[in-house]
Amino acid sequence: MTNSLVLKAEILKNGFTFNKLAKAIGISYVSLSYKVNNKREFNQSEIASICSILNLDDASRNAIFFANQVDEMATN
């Protein structure tokens, strides 16, 4: 599952909105929202694109996209 809170913080920290990031990785705003909020899963190329755009290192990537613990809000 995706750690939504950490991903949202990284998006904001890098000056992106959901809309801008969605366009940058080639998906719709709605698709990105579903994926960030754990309604759908990110595919490998989307994860790679987001990591590149947001300059995420391997540890950050793993903490965000391969989290064992996620915030309670993300599971609702």
C-alpha atoms as a PDB file:
ATOM      1  CA  MET A   1       0.000   0.000   0.000  1.00  0.00           C
ATOM      2  CA  THR A   2       0.985   3.574  -0.556  1.00  0.00           C
ATOM      3  CA  ASN A   3       1.822   5.755   2.426  1.00  0.00           C
ATOM      4  CA  SER A   4      -0.516   8.570   1.427  1.00  0.00           C
ATOM      5  CA  LEU A   5       0.596  11.139   3.965  1.00  0.00           C
ATOM      6  CA  VAL A   6       4.271  10.893   3.043  1.00  0.00           C
ATOM      7  CA  LEU A   7       3.537  10.968  -0.690  1.00  0.00           C
ATOM      8  CA  LYS A   8       1.265  14.002  -0.344  1.00  0.00           C
ATOM      9  CA  ALA A   9       3.972  15.779   1.672  1.00  0.00           C
ATOM     10  CA  GLU A  10       6.575  15.040  -1.023  1.00  0.00           C
ATOM     11  CA  ILE A  11       4.246  16.282  -3.757  1.00  0.00           C
ATOM     12  CA  LEU A  12       3.703  19.577  -1.925  1.00  0.00           C
ATOM     13  CA  LYS A  13       7.359  19.914  -0.913  1.00  0.00           C
ATOM     14  CA  ASN A  14       8.348  19.726  -4.571  1.00  0.00           C
ATOM     15  CA  GLY A  15       5.833  22.384  -5.614  1.00  0.00           C
ATOM     16  CA  PHE A  16       3.403  20.078  -7.385  1.00  0.00           C
ATOM     17  CA  THR A  17      -0.345  19.727  -7.242  1.00  0.00           C
ATOM     18  CA  PHE A  18      -2.132  16.466  -7.995  1.00  0.00           C
ATOM     19  CA  ASN A  19      -3.150  17.904 -11.354  1.00  0.00           C
ATOM     20  CA  LYS A  20       0.408  18.911 -12.336  1.00  0.00           C
ATOM     21  CA  LEU A  21       1.881  15.597 -11.196  1.00  0.00           C
ATOM     22  CA  ALA A  22      -0.839  13.592 -12.958  1.00  0.00           C
ATOM     23  CA  LYS A  23      -0.104  15.392 -16.238  1.00  0.00           C
ATOM     24  CA  ALA A  24       3.640  14.889 -15.760  1.00  0.00           C
ATOM     25  CA  ILE A  25       3.251  11.115 -15.408  1.00  0.00           C
ATOM     26  CA  GLY A  26       0.571  10.798 -18.077  1.00  0.00           C
ATOM     27  CA  ILE A  27      -2.513   9.874 -16.074  1.00  0.00           C
ATOM     28  CA  SER A  28      -5.682  11.731 -15.125  1.00  0.00           C
ATOM     29  CA  TYR A  29      -6.155  13.660 -11.906  1.00  0.00           C
ATOM     30  CA  VAL A  30      -8.825  11.146 -10.854  1.00  0.00           C
ATOM     31  CA  SER A  31      -6.506   8.181 -11.459  1.00  0.00           C
ATOM     32  CA  LEU A  32      -3.746   9.796  -9.404  1.00  0.00           C
ATOM     33  CA  SER A  33      -6.169  10.589  -6.599  1.00  0.00           C
ATOM     34  CA  TYR A  34      -7.411   6.986  -6.508  1.00  0.00           C
ATOM     35  CA  LYS A  35      -3.859   5.677  -6.414  1.00  0.00           C
ATOM     36  CA  VAL A  36      -2.608   8.086  -3.757  1.00  0.00           C
ATOM     37  CA  ASN A  37      -5.617   7.202  -1.598  1.00  0.00           C
ATOM     38  CA  ASN A  38      -5.141   3.436  -2.042  1.00  0.00           C
ATOM     39  CA  LYS A  39      -8.251   2.845  -4.134  1.00  0.00           C
ATOM     40  CA  ARG A  40      -6.043   1.629  -7.018  1.00  0.00           C
ATOM     41  CA  GLU A  41      -2.396   0.553  -7.227  1.00  0.00           C
ATOM     42  CA  PHE A  42       0.448   2.408  -8.910  1.00  0.00           C
ATOM     43  CA  ASN A  43       2.154   0.482 -11.690  1.00  0.00           C
ATOM     44  CA  GLN A  44       5.921   0.199 -11.995  1.00  0.00           C
ATOM     45  CA  SER A  45       6.339   2.917 -14.620  1.00  0.00           C
ATOM     46  CA  GLU A  46       4.217   5.371 -12.610  1.00  0.00           C
ATOM     47  CA  ILE A  47       6.332   4.762  -9.510  1.00  0.00           C
ATOM     48  CA  ALA A  48       9.519   5.261 -11.530  1.00  0.00           C
ATOM     49  CA  SER A  49       8.176   8.488 -13.045  1.00  0.00           C
ATOM     50  CA  ILE A  50       7.081   9.889  -9.696  1.00  0.00           C
ATOM     51  CA  CYS A  51      10.444   9.037  -8.125  1.00  0.00           C
ATOM     52  CA  SER A  52      12.250  10.785 -10.952  1.00  0.00           C
ATOM     53  CA  ILE A  53      10.023  13.874 -10.925  1.00  0.00           C
ATOM     54  CA  LEU A  54      10.073  14.242  -7.130  1.00  0.00           C
ATOM     55  CA  ASN A  55      13.758  13.244  -6.824  1.00  0.00           C
ATOM     56  CA  LEU A  56      12.977  10.425  -4.406  1.00  0.00           C
ATOM     57  CA  ASP A  57      15.825   8.174  -3.323  1.00  0.00           C
ATOM     58  CA  ASP A  58      15.413   4.420  -2.851  1.00  0.00           C
ATOM     59  CA  ALA A  59      14.655   4.716   0.869  1.00  0.00           C
ATOM     60  CA  SER A  60      11.948   7.316   0.240  1.00  0.00           C
ATOM     61  CA  ARG A  61      10.496   5.243  -2.604  1.00  0.00           C
ATOM     62  CA  ASN A  62      10.291   2.193  -0.376  1.00  0.00           C
ATOM     63  CA  ALA A  63       8.777   4.143   2.520  1.00  0.00           C
ATOM     64  CA  ILE A  64       6.089   5.593   0.251  1.00  0.00           C
ATOM     65  CA  PHE A  65       5.182   2.858  -2.205  1.00  0.00           C
ATOM     66  CA  PHE A  66       6.038  -0.301  -0.286  1.00  0.00           C
ATOM     67  CA  ALA A  67       4.916   0.708   3.191  1.00  0.00           C
ATOM     68  CA  ASN A  68       4.005  -2.017   5.639  1.00  0.00           C
ATOM     69  CA  GLN A  69       2.282   0.505   7.853  1.00  0.00           C
ATOM     70  CA  VAL A  70       0.002   3.117   6.395  1.00  0.00           C
ATOM     71  CA  ASP A  71      -1.974   5.881   7.961  1.00  0.00           C
ATOM     72  CA  GLU A  72      -5.468   4.929   9.092  1.00  0.00           C
ATOM     73  CA  MET A  73      -7.041   7.412   6.696  1.00  0.00           C
ATOM     74  CA  ALA A  74      -5.558   5.557   3.718  1.00  0.00           C
ATOM     75  CA  THR A  75      -7.385   2.353   4.577  1.00  0.00           C
ATOM     76  CA  ASN A  76     -10.886   3.820   4.657  1.00  0.00           C
END
